[in-house]
Amino acid sequence: MATEKSYYMTQEGKEKLEEELRYLKTDRRQEVVERIKIARDFGDLSENSEYDAAKDEQAFVESRISQVETMIRNAVIIENDNEDPNVVALGKSVTFQEIPDGEEETYTIVGSAEADPFEGKISNDSPMAKSLLGKEIGSEVTVATPGGDMQVKILQVE
């Protein structure tokens, strides 16, 4: 039997997933069922694009419900209570500067389930996070990126 993947996330990330699951199972599911009922009333299902679209949406919603349930079931909550405050770790925010004269950037390293670069949350599986994890404040780190290697200096860890 294959072991299921663990999904590292903050408590806040897990709560967001639980909220999404409640919405999908109650409101969203019901909306799709209504769309299917309305589309059925249009007549011949073999030529009914509204019905096909509603059924596709239903499949998507059910797939997302299954995915979210799996993520919640296999959630591993990130706790940094006993971590060195000067070391980059999962669940911490890190501020770094590209060497020699780049701007400061701050990201929080989270599990892939709650990564959102637009909100400053990067996945622990990303090249940037993999390069930074375990490093201390003041360290200079080489990050492999698709555009070539980048040198950064860690300025702050929270």
N, C-alpha and C. Protein backbone atom coordinates (compact mmCIF):
# COMPACT_ATOMS: atom_id res chain seq x y z
N MET A 1 0.84 -1.19 0.00
CA MET A 1 0.00 0.00 0.00
C MET A 1 0.88 1.24 0.00
N ALA A 2 0.61 2.16 -0.89
CA ALA A 2 1.40 3.38 -0.98
C ALA A 2 1.03 4.33 0.14
N THR A 3 2.04 4.99 0.69
CA THR A 3 1.76 5.98 1.71
C THR A 3 1.39 7.28 1.02
N GLU A 4 0.42 7.99 1.62
CA GLU A 4 -0.03 9.25 1.03
C GLU A 4 0.94 10.36 1.38
N LYS A 5 1.00 11.34 0.52
CA LYS A 5 1.88 12.49 0.69
C LYS A 5 1.43 13.31 1.89
N SER A 6 2.39 13.82 2.64
CA SER A 6 2.09 14.74 3.73
C SER A 6 2.01 16.15 3.17
N TYR A 7 1.08 16.94 3.69
CA TYR A 7 0.91 18.32 3.27
C TYR A 7 1.26 19.22 4.44
N TYR A 8 2.42 19.86 4.35
CA TYR A 8 2.87 20.76 5.40
C TYR A 8 2.14 22.08 5.27
N MET A 9 1.60 22.57 6.39
CA MET A 9 0.86 23.83 6.37
C MET A 9 0.78 24.41 7.76
N THR A 10 0.49 25.68 7.80
CA THR A 10 0.28 26.35 9.08
C THR A 10 -1.14 26.01 9.56
N GLN A 11 -1.41 26.30 10.81
CA GLN A 11 -2.76 26.09 11.34
C GLN A 11 -3.74 26.96 10.56
N GLU A 12 -3.32 28.18 10.23
CA GLU A 12 -4.16 29.09 9.45
C GLU A 12 -4.47 28.49 8.07
N GLY A 13 -3.47 27.89 7.44
CA GLY A 13 -3.67 27.26 6.14
C GLY A 13 -4.65 26.11 6.20
N LYS A 14 -4.57 25.32 7.27
CA LYS A 14 -5.51 24.21 7.44
C LYS A 14 -6.93 24.72 7.63
N GLU A 15 -7.06 25.78 8.41
CA GLU A 15 -8.39 26.36 8.65
C GLU A 15 -8.99 26.90 7.35
N LYS A 16 -8.15 27.50 6.49
CA LYS A 16 -8.63 27.98 5.19
C LYS A 16 -9.14 26.82 4.33
N LEU A 17 -8.41 25.71 4.36
CA LEU A 17 -8.85 24.53 3.60
C LEU A 17 -10.16 23.98 4.15
N GLU A 18 -10.29 23.94 5.47
CA GLU A 18 -11.53 23.45 6.08
C GLU A 18 -12.71 24.35 5.70
N GLU A 19 -12.46 25.66 5.64
CA GLU A 19 -13.49 26.62 5.23
C GLU A 19 -13.87 26.40 3.77
N GLU A 20 -12.86 26.20 2.91
CA GLU A 20 -13.12 25.93 1.50
C GLU A 20 -13.94 24.65 1.34
N LEU A 21 -13.60 23.62 2.11
CA LEU A 21 -14.32 22.35 2.03
C LEU A 21 -15.78 22.52 2.42
N ARG A 22 -16.05 23.26 3.49
CA ARG A 22 -17.44 23.51 3.90
C ARG A 22 -18.19 24.22 2.78
N TYR A 23 -17.57 25.24 2.17
CA TYR A 23 -18.20 25.97 1.08
C TYR A 23 -18.49 25.04 -0.11
N LEU A 24 -17.51 24.24 -0.50
CA LEU A 24 -17.69 23.34 -1.64
C LEU A 24 -18.80 22.33 -1.40
N LYS A 25 -18.85 21.77 -0.19
CA LYS A 25 -19.83 20.72 0.10
C LYS A 25 -21.23 21.26 0.28
N THR A 26 -21.36 22.50 0.70
CA THR A 26 -22.71 23.04 0.93
C THR A 26 -23.13 23.93 -0.23
N ASP A 27 -22.62 25.13 -0.28
CA ASP A 27 -23.07 26.12 -1.27
C ASP A 27 -22.75 25.71 -2.70
N ARG A 28 -21.49 25.43 -2.98
CA ARG A 28 -21.06 25.19 -4.36
C ARG A 28 -21.72 23.96 -4.96
N ARG A 29 -21.78 22.88 -4.20
CA ARG A 29 -22.42 21.66 -4.69
C ARG A 29 -23.87 21.93 -5.07
N GLN A 30 -24.57 22.67 -4.20
CA GLN A 30 -25.98 22.98 -4.43
C GLN A 30 -26.17 23.85 -5.66
N GLU A 31 -25.27 24.82 -5.86
CA GLU A 31 -25.34 25.68 -7.04
C GLU A 31 -25.22 24.85 -8.32
N VAL A 32 -24.31 23.90 -8.33
CA VAL A 32 -24.09 23.07 -9.52
C VAL A 32 -25.30 22.17 -9.77
N VAL A 33 -25.87 21.62 -8.72
CA VAL A 33 -27.06 20.78 -8.87
C VAL A 33 -28.20 21.60 -9.49
N GLU A 34 -28.36 22.83 -9.05
CA GLU A 34 -29.39 23.71 -9.61
C GLU A 34 -29.14 23.98 -11.09
N ARG A 35 -27.87 24.21 -11.45
CA ARG A 35 -27.53 24.46 -12.86
C ARG A 35 -27.86 23.23 -13.70
N ILE A 36 -27.61 22.05 -13.17
CA ILE A 36 -27.91 20.81 -13.90
C ILE A 36 -29.42 20.68 -14.10
N LYS A 37 -30.20 20.97 -13.04
CA LYS A 37 -31.66 20.89 -13.14
C LYS A 37 -32.19 21.84 -14.22
N ILE A 38 -31.69 23.07 -14.20
CA ILE A 38 -32.14 24.07 -15.18
C ILE A 38 -31.75 23.63 -16.59
N ALA A 39 -30.54 23.13 -16.75
CA ALA A 39 -30.07 22.71 -18.07
C ALA A 39 -30.87 21.52 -18.61
N ARG A 40 -31.30 20.63 -17.72
CA ARG A 40 -32.12 19.48 -18.15
C ARG A 40 -33.44 19.94 -18.77
N ASP A 41 -33.95 21.04 -18.26
CA ASP A 41 -35.23 21.55 -18.76
C ASP A 41 -35.13 22.12 -20.17
N PHE A 42 -33.90 22.31 -20.67
CA PHE A 42 -33.73 22.82 -22.02
C PHE A 42 -34.00 21.77 -23.08
N GLY A 43 -34.18 20.54 -22.67
CA GLY A 43 -34.53 19.50 -23.65
C GLY A 43 -33.42 18.51 -23.92
N ASP A 44 -33.29 18.12 -25.17
CA ASP A 44 -32.38 17.08 -25.63
C ASP A 44 -30.98 17.24 -25.02
N LEU A 45 -30.58 16.27 -24.16
CA LEU A 45 -29.30 16.35 -23.48
C LEU A 45 -28.12 16.11 -24.42
N SER A 46 -28.33 15.43 -25.54
CA SER A 46 -27.23 15.15 -26.45
C SER A 46 -26.71 16.41 -27.15
N GLU A 47 -27.53 17.44 -27.22
CA GLU A 47 -27.11 18.69 -27.88
C GLU A 47 -27.21 19.88 -26.92
N ASN A 48 -27.08 19.62 -25.64
CA ASN A 48 -27.30 20.64 -24.64
C ASN A 48 -25.95 21.06 -24.02
N SER A 49 -25.40 22.15 -24.52
CA SER A 49 -24.09 22.60 -24.03
C SER A 49 -24.14 23.09 -22.58
N GLU A 50 -25.28 23.65 -22.17
CA GLU A 50 -25.41 24.09 -20.77
C GLU A 50 -25.34 22.90 -19.82
N TYR A 51 -25.98 21.81 -20.23
CA TYR A 51 -25.95 20.59 -19.42
C TYR A 51 -24.53 20.04 -19.34
N ASP A 52 -23.85 19.99 -20.48
CA ASP A 52 -22.47 19.48 -20.51
C ASP A 52 -21.56 20.34 -19.62
N ALA A 53 -21.71 21.65 -19.71
CA ALA A 53 -20.89 22.56 -18.90
C ALA A 53 -21.17 22.37 -17.41
N ALA A 54 -22.43 22.20 -17.06
CA ALA A 54 -22.80 21.99 -15.65
C ALA A 54 -22.24 20.67 -15.13
N LYS A 55 -22.29 19.64 -15.96
CA LYS A 55 -21.75 18.33 -15.55
C LYS A 55 -20.22 18.41 -15.39
N ASP A 56 -19.57 19.15 -16.29
CA ASP A 56 -18.12 19.35 -16.17
C ASP A 56 -17.78 20.09 -14.88
N GLU A 57 -18.58 21.09 -14.58
CA GLU A 57 -18.36 21.85 -13.34
C GLU A 57 -18.58 20.96 -12.12
N GLN A 58 -19.58 20.10 -12.19
CA GLN A 58 -19.83 19.17 -11.09
C GLN A 58 -18.63 18.25 -10.89
N ALA A 59 -18.06 17.76 -11.96
CA ALA A 59 -16.89 16.89 -11.87
C ALA A 59 -15.71 17.65 -11.24
N PHE A 60 -15.54 18.92 -11.64
CA PHE A 60 -14.47 19.72 -11.08
C PHE A 60 -14.67 19.92 -9.57
N VAL A 61 -15.87 20.27 -9.16
CA VAL A 61 -16.17 20.50 -7.74
C VAL A 61 -15.93 19.23 -6.93
N GLU A 62 -16.40 18.10 -7.43
CA GLU A 62 -16.21 16.83 -6.71
C GLU A 62 -14.73 16.47 -6.62
N SER A 63 -13.99 16.74 -7.68
CA SER A 63 -12.55 16.47 -7.67
C SER A 63 -11.85 17.35 -6.64
N ARG A 64 -12.23 18.62 -6.59
CA ARG A 64 -11.61 19.54 -5.62
C ARG A 64 -11.97 19.15 -4.20
N ILE A 65 -13.20 18.71 -3.97
CA ILE A 65 -13.60 18.23 -2.64
C ILE A 65 -12.70 17.08 -2.22
N SER A 66 -12.50 16.13 -3.10
CA SER A 66 -11.66 14.97 -2.81
C SER A 66 -10.22 15.41 -2.51
N GLN A 67 -9.71 16.33 -3.32
CA GLN A 67 -8.35 16.83 -3.14
C GLN A 67 -8.19 17.53 -1.78
N VAL A 68 -9.13 18.40 -1.44
CA VAL A 68 -9.06 19.14 -0.18
C VAL A 68 -9.19 18.19 1.01
N GLU A 69 -10.08 17.21 0.91
CA GLU A 69 -10.22 16.22 1.99
C GLU A 69 -8.91 15.47 2.22
N THR A 70 -8.24 15.10 1.15
CA THR A 70 -6.95 14.40 1.25
C THR A 70 -5.91 15.30 1.90
N MET A 71 -5.88 16.57 1.49
CA MET A 71 -4.91 17.50 2.07
C MET A 71 -5.15 17.70 3.56
N ILE A 72 -6.40 17.81 3.97
CA ILE A 72 -6.72 17.99 5.38
C ILE A 72 -6.38 16.72 6.17
N ARG A 73 -6.73 15.57 5.61
CA ARG A 73 -6.47 14.29 6.27
C ARG A 73 -4.96 14.06 6.49
N ASN A 74 -4.14 14.53 5.55
CA ASN A 74 -2.69 14.30 5.62
C ASN A 74 -1.93 15.56 6.00
N ALA A 75 -2.61 16.50 6.63
CA ALA A 75 -1.97 17.75 7.03
C ALA A 75 -0.97 17.52 8.15
N VAL A 76 0.16 18.18 8.03
CA VAL A 76 1.17 18.20 9.09
C VAL A 76 1.33 19.67 9.44
N ILE A 77 0.91 20.03 10.65
CA ILE A 77 0.94 21.42 11.08
C ILE A 77 2.37 21.83 11.41
N ILE A 78 2.78 22.95 10.85
CA ILE A 78 4.13 23.48 11.05
C ILE A 78 4.18 24.18 12.41
N GLU A 79 5.10 23.74 13.25
CA GLU A 79 5.29 24.37 14.55
C GLU A 79 6.78 24.65 14.71
N ASN A 80 7.11 25.88 15.07
CA ASN A 80 8.51 26.26 15.20
C ASN A 80 8.86 26.65 16.64
N ASP A 81 8.18 26.07 17.61
CA ASP A 81 8.39 26.44 19.00
C ASP A 81 9.83 26.18 19.47
N ASN A 82 10.42 25.06 19.03
CA ASN A 82 11.74 24.68 19.50
C ASN A 82 12.84 24.97 18.49
N GLU A 83 12.52 25.73 17.46
CA GLU A 83 13.48 26.03 16.40
C GLU A 83 14.38 27.20 16.80
N ASP A 84 15.61 27.20 16.28
CA ASP A 84 16.53 28.32 16.46
C ASP A 84 15.93 29.53 15.74
N PRO A 85 15.74 30.65 16.43
CA PRO A 85 15.10 31.82 15.81
C PRO A 85 15.93 32.46 14.69
N ASN A 86 17.20 32.11 14.56
CA ASN A 86 18.06 32.69 13.54
C ASN A 86 18.21 31.81 12.31
N VAL A 87 17.52 30.67 12.28
CA VAL A 87 17.64 29.72 11.18
C VAL A 87 16.36 29.68 10.37
N VAL A 88 16.49 29.68 9.05
CA VAL A 88 15.35 29.62 8.15
C VAL A 88 14.73 28.22 8.26
N ALA A 89 13.41 28.17 8.49
CA ALA A 89 12.71 26.90 8.62
C ALA A 89 11.30 27.05 8.06
N LEU A 90 10.67 25.93 7.82
CA LEU A 90 9.31 25.89 7.33
C LEU A 90 8.41 26.66 8.29
N GLY A 91 7.57 27.54 7.73
CA GLY A 91 6.65 28.33 8.54
C GLY A 91 7.20 29.68 8.96
N LYS A 92 8.47 29.94 8.68
CA LYS A 92 9.07 31.22 9.05
C LYS A 92 9.13 32.15 7.84
N SER A 93 9.19 33.45 8.15
CA SER A 93 9.40 34.45 7.12
C SER A 93 10.88 34.77 7.06
N VAL A 94 11.38 34.92 5.84
CA VAL A 94 12.80 35.23 5.66
C VAL A 94 12.93 36.45 4.75
N THR A 95 13.77 37.38 5.18
CA THR A 95 14.06 38.57 4.38
C THR A 95 15.48 38.41 3.86
N PHE A 96 15.66 38.59 2.55
CA PHE A 96 16.99 38.46 1.96
C PHE A 96 17.17 39.55 0.92
N GLN A 97 18.43 39.71 0.52
CA GLN A 97 18.77 40.71 -0.49
C GLN A 97 19.66 40.04 -1.53
N GLU A 98 19.32 40.28 -2.79
CA GLU A 98 20.16 39.75 -3.86
C GLU A 98 21.49 40.51 -3.85
N ILE A 99 22.58 39.77 -3.95
CA ILE A 99 23.90 40.37 -3.94
C ILE A 99 24.31 40.65 -5.39
N PRO A 100 24.86 41.77 -5.71
CA PRO A 100 25.44 42.76 -4.82
C PRO A 100 24.48 43.89 -4.43
N ASP A 101 23.50 44.23 -5.28
CA ASP A 101 22.73 45.43 -4.99
C ASP A 101 21.23 45.28 -5.24
N GLY A 102 20.70 44.12 -4.92
CA GLY A 102 19.28 43.89 -5.15
C GLY A 102 18.42 44.48 -4.05
N GLU A 103 17.12 44.49 -4.31
CA GLU A 103 16.16 44.96 -3.30
C GLU A 103 15.93 43.88 -2.27
N GLU A 104 15.49 44.29 -1.09
CA GLU A 104 15.12 43.32 -0.07
C GLU A 104 13.80 42.68 -0.45
N GLU A 105 13.70 41.37 -0.22
CA GLU A 105 12.46 40.64 -0.46
C GLU A 105 12.16 39.79 0.77
N THR A 106 10.89 39.66 1.09
CA THR A 106 10.49 38.84 2.24
C THR A 106 9.46 37.82 1.78
N TYR A 107 9.69 36.57 2.16
CA TYR A 107 8.76 35.48 1.85
C TYR A 107 8.58 34.61 3.09
N THR A 108 7.41 34.03 3.19
CA THR A 108 7.15 33.03 4.21
C THR A 108 7.22 31.68 3.53
N ILE A 109 7.96 30.75 4.13
CA ILE A 109 8.10 29.43 3.55
C ILE A 109 7.03 28.53 4.14
N VAL A 110 6.16 28.04 3.26
CA VAL A 110 5.02 27.21 3.68
C VAL A 110 5.01 25.92 2.85
N GLY A 111 4.12 25.02 3.20
CA GLY A 111 3.96 23.81 2.40
C GLY A 111 3.30 24.14 1.07
N SER A 112 3.42 23.23 0.13
CA SER A 112 2.88 23.47 -1.21
C SER A 112 1.38 23.70 -1.21
N ALA A 113 0.67 23.17 -0.21
CA ALA A 113 -0.79 23.30 -0.16
C ALA A 113 -1.25 24.75 0.01
N GLU A 114 -0.42 25.58 0.66
CA GLU A 114 -0.86 26.96 0.87
C GLU A 114 0.07 27.99 0.23
N ALA A 115 0.95 27.56 -0.65
CA ALA A 115 1.85 28.48 -1.33
C ALA A 115 1.07 29.45 -2.21
N ASP A 116 1.45 30.70 -2.16
CA ASP A 116 0.85 31.74 -2.99
C ASP A 116 1.86 32.88 -3.11
N PRO A 117 2.68 32.85 -4.16
CA PRO A 117 3.73 33.85 -4.31
C PRO A 117 3.20 35.29 -4.30
N PHE A 118 1.98 35.50 -4.76
CA PHE A 118 1.41 36.85 -4.77
C PHE A 118 1.14 37.36 -3.36
N GLU A 119 1.01 36.43 -2.40
CA GLU A 119 0.84 36.81 -0.99
C GLU A 119 2.14 36.68 -0.22
N GLY A 120 3.23 36.42 -0.92
CA GLY A 120 4.53 36.29 -0.27
C GLY A 120 4.75 34.96 0.41
N LYS A 121 4.03 33.93 -0.04
CA LYS A 121 4.17 32.58 0.54
C LYS A 121 4.72 31.65 -0.54
N ILE A 122 5.93 31.12 -0.30
CA ILE A 122 6.53 30.22 -1.27
C ILE A 122 6.58 28.80 -0.73
N SER A 123 6.48 27.85 -1.64
CA SER A 123 6.47 26.44 -1.29
C SER A 123 7.84 25.98 -0.82
N ASN A 124 7.83 25.10 0.17
CA ASN A 124 9.09 24.52 0.64
C ASN A 124 9.75 23.66 -0.45
N ASP A 125 9.01 23.34 -1.51
CA ASP A 125 9.55 22.57 -2.63
C ASP A 125 10.17 23.46 -3.71
N SER A 126 10.03 24.79 -3.58
CA SER A 126 10.57 25.70 -4.59
C SER A 126 12.09 25.77 -4.48
N PRO A 127 12.77 26.06 -5.59
CA PRO A 127 14.24 26.18 -5.55
C PRO A 127 14.71 27.24 -4.53
N MET A 128 13.99 28.35 -4.44
CA MET A 128 14.36 29.40 -3.49
C MET A 128 14.31 28.88 -2.05
N ALA A 129 13.18 28.26 -1.69
CA ALA A 129 13.03 27.76 -0.32
C ALA A 129 14.04 26.65 -0.02
N LYS A 130 14.22 25.74 -0.96
CA LYS A 130 15.18 24.64 -0.74
C LYS A 130 16.57 25.18 -0.46
N SER A 131 16.95 26.27 -1.14
CA SER A 131 18.27 26.86 -0.94
C SER A 131 18.39 27.56 0.41
N LEU A 132 17.28 28.15 0.89
CA LEU A 132 17.32 28.94 2.12
C LEU A 132 17.12 28.12 3.39
N LEU A 133 16.37 27.02 3.31
CA LEU A 133 16.05 26.23 4.50
C LEU A 133 17.33 25.77 5.21
N GLY A 134 17.36 25.98 6.52
CA GLY A 134 18.48 25.53 7.34
C GLY A 134 19.63 26.53 7.42
N LYS A 135 19.53 27.63 6.67
CA LYS A 135 20.60 28.64 6.68
C LYS A 135 20.31 29.68 7.75
N GLU A 136 21.38 30.35 8.22
CA GLU A 136 21.25 31.33 9.29
C GLU A 136 21.28 32.76 8.77
N ILE A 137 20.85 33.69 9.63
CA ILE A 137 20.94 35.11 9.33
C ILE A 137 22.40 35.44 9.03
N GLY A 138 22.62 36.22 7.98
CA GLY A 138 23.97 36.61 7.59
C GLY A 138 24.59 35.70 6.55
N SER A 139 24.00 34.53 6.33
CA SER A 139 24.54 33.59 5.34
C SER A 139 24.33 34.11 3.93
N GLU A 140 25.32 33.83 3.08
CA GLU A 140 25.18 34.10 1.65
C GLU A 140 24.89 32.77 0.98
N VAL A 141 23.82 32.74 0.19
CA VAL A 141 23.30 31.50 -0.37
C VAL A 141 23.19 31.63 -1.88
N THR A 142 23.55 30.56 -2.59
CA THR A 142 23.36 30.52 -4.03
C THR A 142 22.05 29.80 -4.32
N VAL A 143 21.19 30.45 -5.09
CA VAL A 143 19.89 29.89 -5.44
C VAL A 143 19.89 29.60 -6.94
N ALA A 144 19.63 28.35 -7.28
CA ALA A 144 19.54 27.98 -8.70
C ALA A 144 18.15 28.36 -9.21
N THR A 145 18.11 29.20 -10.23
CA THR A 145 16.84 29.61 -10.83
C THR A 145 16.89 29.28 -12.32
N PRO A 146 15.74 29.24 -12.97
CA PRO A 146 15.73 28.96 -14.42
C PRO A 146 16.57 29.97 -15.21
N GLY A 147 16.70 31.19 -14.70
CA GLY A 147 17.47 32.22 -15.38
C GLY A 147 18.94 32.21 -15.01
N GLY A 148 19.36 31.25 -14.22
CA GLY A 148 20.75 31.18 -13.77
C GLY A 148 20.85 31.32 -12.26
N ASP A 149 22.03 31.07 -11.75
CA ASP A 149 22.23 31.15 -10.30
C ASP A 149 22.12 32.59 -9.81
N MET A 150 21.60 32.73 -8.59
CA MET A 150 21.41 34.03 -7.97
C MET A 150 22.02 33.95 -6.58
N GLN A 151 22.77 34.96 -6.19
CA GLN A 151 23.41 35.01 -4.88
C GLN A 151 22.58 35.92 -3.98
N VAL A 152 22.18 35.44 -2.79
CA VAL A 152 21.41 36.26 -1.86
C VAL A 152 22.04 36.20 -0.47
N LYS A 153 21.76 37.23 0.32
CA LYS A 153 22.21 37.28 1.70
C LYS A 153 20.98 37.33 2.60
N ILE A 154 20.93 36.45 3.57
CA ILE A 154 19.79 36.40 4.50
C ILE A 154 19.96 37.52 5.53
N LEU A 155 18.96 38.39 5.61
CA LEU A 155 19.01 39.54 6.49
C LEU A 155 18.22 39.35 7.79
N GLN A 156 17.10 38.63 7.69
CA GLN A 156 16.22 38.52 8.85
C GLN A 156 15.39 37.25 8.75
N VAL A 157 15.11 36.64 9.91
CA VAL A 157 14.24 35.45 9.98
C VAL A 157 13.23 35.70 11.10
N GLU A 158 11.96 35.53 10.79
CA GLU A 158 10.90 35.75 11.82
C GLU A 158 10.03 34.52 11.92
